[in-house]
Protein backbone atom coordinates (compact mmCIF):
# COMPACT_ATOMS: atom_id res chain seq x y z
CA UNK A 1 73.55 -155.43 -49.59
CA UNK A 2 77.04 -155.21 -51.05
CA UNK A 3 76.76 -158.77 -52.42
CA UNK A 4 73.49 -157.84 -54.09
CA UNK A 5 75.03 -154.72 -55.59
CA UNK A 6 77.94 -156.76 -56.87
CA UNK A 7 75.54 -159.28 -58.45
CA UNK A 8 73.58 -156.48 -60.09
CA UNK A 9 76.76 -154.89 -61.35
CA UNK A 10 77.68 -158.11 -63.19
CA UNK A 11 74.19 -158.61 -64.62
CA UNK A 12 73.77 -157.58 -68.23
CA UNK A 13 71.13 -155.01 -69.14
CA UNK A 14 67.58 -156.47 -69.14
CA UNK A 15 66.27 -157.28 -72.62
CA UNK A 16 69.68 -157.62 -74.23
CA UNK A 17 70.79 -160.83 -75.88
CA UNK A 18 73.42 -161.29 -73.20
CA UNK A 19 70.74 -160.86 -70.52
CA UNK A 20 68.62 -163.67 -72.06
CA UNK A 21 71.62 -166.02 -72.10
CA UNK A 22 72.49 -165.02 -68.52
CA UNK A 23 68.86 -165.52 -67.42
CA UNK A 24 68.69 -168.97 -68.99
CA UNK A 25 71.98 -169.92 -67.36
CA UNK A 26 70.61 -168.92 -63.95
CA UNK A 27 67.40 -170.89 -64.57
CA UNK A 28 69.48 -173.89 -65.62
CA UNK A 29 71.58 -173.51 -62.49
CA UNK A 30 68.46 -173.55 -60.34
CA UNK A 31 67.21 -176.66 -62.11
CA UNK A 32 70.59 -178.31 -61.61
CA UNK A 33 70.47 -177.52 -57.89
CA UNK A 34 66.99 -179.01 -57.60
CA UNK A 35 68.15 -182.11 -59.48
CA UNK A 36 71.23 -182.37 -57.28
CA UNK A 37 69.09 -182.13 -54.14
CA UNK A 38 66.74 -184.85 -55.46
CA UNK A 39 69.67 -187.10 -56.31
CA UNK A 40 71.18 -186.61 -52.86
CA UNK A 41 67.87 -187.59 -51.27
CA UNK A 42 67.70 -190.69 -53.47
CA UNK A 43 71.27 -191.54 -52.49
CA UNK A 44 70.44 -191.26 -48.78
CA UNK A 45 67.38 -193.47 -49.24
CA UNK A 46 69.45 -196.03 -51.13
CA UNK A 47 72.08 -195.99 -48.37
CA UNK A 48 69.35 -196.61 -45.80
CA UNK A 49 67.96 -199.51 -47.80
CA UNK A 50 71.45 -200.95 -48.23
CA UNK A 51 72.08 -200.77 -44.48
CA UNK A 52 68.75 -202.50 -43.80
CA UNK A 53 69.56 -205.22 -46.34
CA UNK A 54 72.99 -205.79 -44.81
CA UNK A 55 71.45 -206.11 -41.35
CA UNK A 56 68.88 -208.58 -42.66
CA UNK A 57 71.61 -210.53 -44.44
CA UNK A 58 73.66 -210.72 -41.23
CA UNK A 59 70.63 -211.99 -39.31
CA UNK A 60 69.98 -214.62 -41.98
CA UNK A 61 73.63 -215.69 -41.84
CA UNK A 62 73.36 -216.14 -38.05
CA UNK A 63 70.21 -218.23 -38.47
CA UNK A 64 71.89 -220.33 -41.14
CA UNK A 65 74.89 -220.91 -38.87
CA UNK A 66 72.56 -222.04 -36.06
CA UNK A 67 70.70 -224.39 -38.40
CA UNK A 68 73.94 -225.88 -39.73
CA UNK A 69 75.24 -226.41 -36.20
CA UNK A 70 71.95 -228.08 -35.22
CA UNK A 71 72.10 -230.24 -38.34
CA UNK A 72 75.61 -231.36 -37.39
CA UNK A 73 74.48 -232.28 -33.88
CA UNK A 74 71.50 -234.23 -35.21
CA UNK A 75 73.62 -236.05 -37.78
CA UNK A 76 76.08 -236.96 -35.04
CA UNK A 77 73.28 -238.32 -32.86
CA UNK A 78 71.84 -240.29 -35.78
CA UNK A 79 75.25 -241.85 -36.39
CA UNK A 80 75.61 -242.63 -32.69
CA UNK A 81 72.20 -244.31 -32.62
CA UNK A 82 72.99 -246.30 -35.76
CA UNK A 83 76.23 -247.49 -34.13
CA UNK A 84 74.36 -248.54 -30.98
CA UNK A 85 71.82 -250.48 -33.04
CA UNK A 86 74.61 -252.16 -34.98
CA UNK A 87 76.32 -253.18 -31.71
CA UNK A 88 73.11 -254.68 -30.40
CA UNK A 89 72.97 -256.92 -33.40
CA UNK A 90 69.93 -258.53 -34.89
CA UNK A 91 67.15 -259.89 -32.73
CA UNK A 92 65.93 -263.43 -33.16
CA UNK A 93 62.86 -263.92 -35.32
CA UNK A 94 60.86 -265.18 -32.33
CA UNK A 95 61.05 -261.81 -30.60
CA UNK A 96 59.32 -260.19 -33.57
CA UNK A 97 56.64 -262.87 -33.67
CA UNK A 98 55.92 -262.58 -29.94
CA UNK A 99 55.75 -258.81 -30.05
CA UNK A 100 53.27 -258.94 -32.92
CA UNK A 101 50.95 -261.35 -31.13
CA UNK A 102 50.81 -259.07 -28.13
CA UNK A 103 49.99 -259.86 -24.50
CA UNK A 104 47.02 -262.17 -25.29
CA UNK A 105 49.40 -264.90 -26.55
CA UNK A 106 51.20 -264.96 -23.19
CA UNK A 107 47.96 -265.72 -21.37
CA UNK A 108 47.34 -268.97 -23.27
């Protein structure tokens, strides 16, 4: 009650010019508090979205790392296979001709 009495003691007399200014200031203060509350809520939502985006970005980075590692392994295997083929050398032309004719040519 003492706080209320103190507030009333500092209030100007109702209807006076000073009272209208004081009343508008209090209304403006209330509007500012509402705006501040809304902005804080928006900030919290934005922080939540940012955290979700960071998590998604980290997951995508992990997936990219896995894919790049797999790509490296596959490129290494491809190089290894190419080296093996090169070491085998070329096959004689007859082996291609026989393989194209198939098993029926062997029976003749």
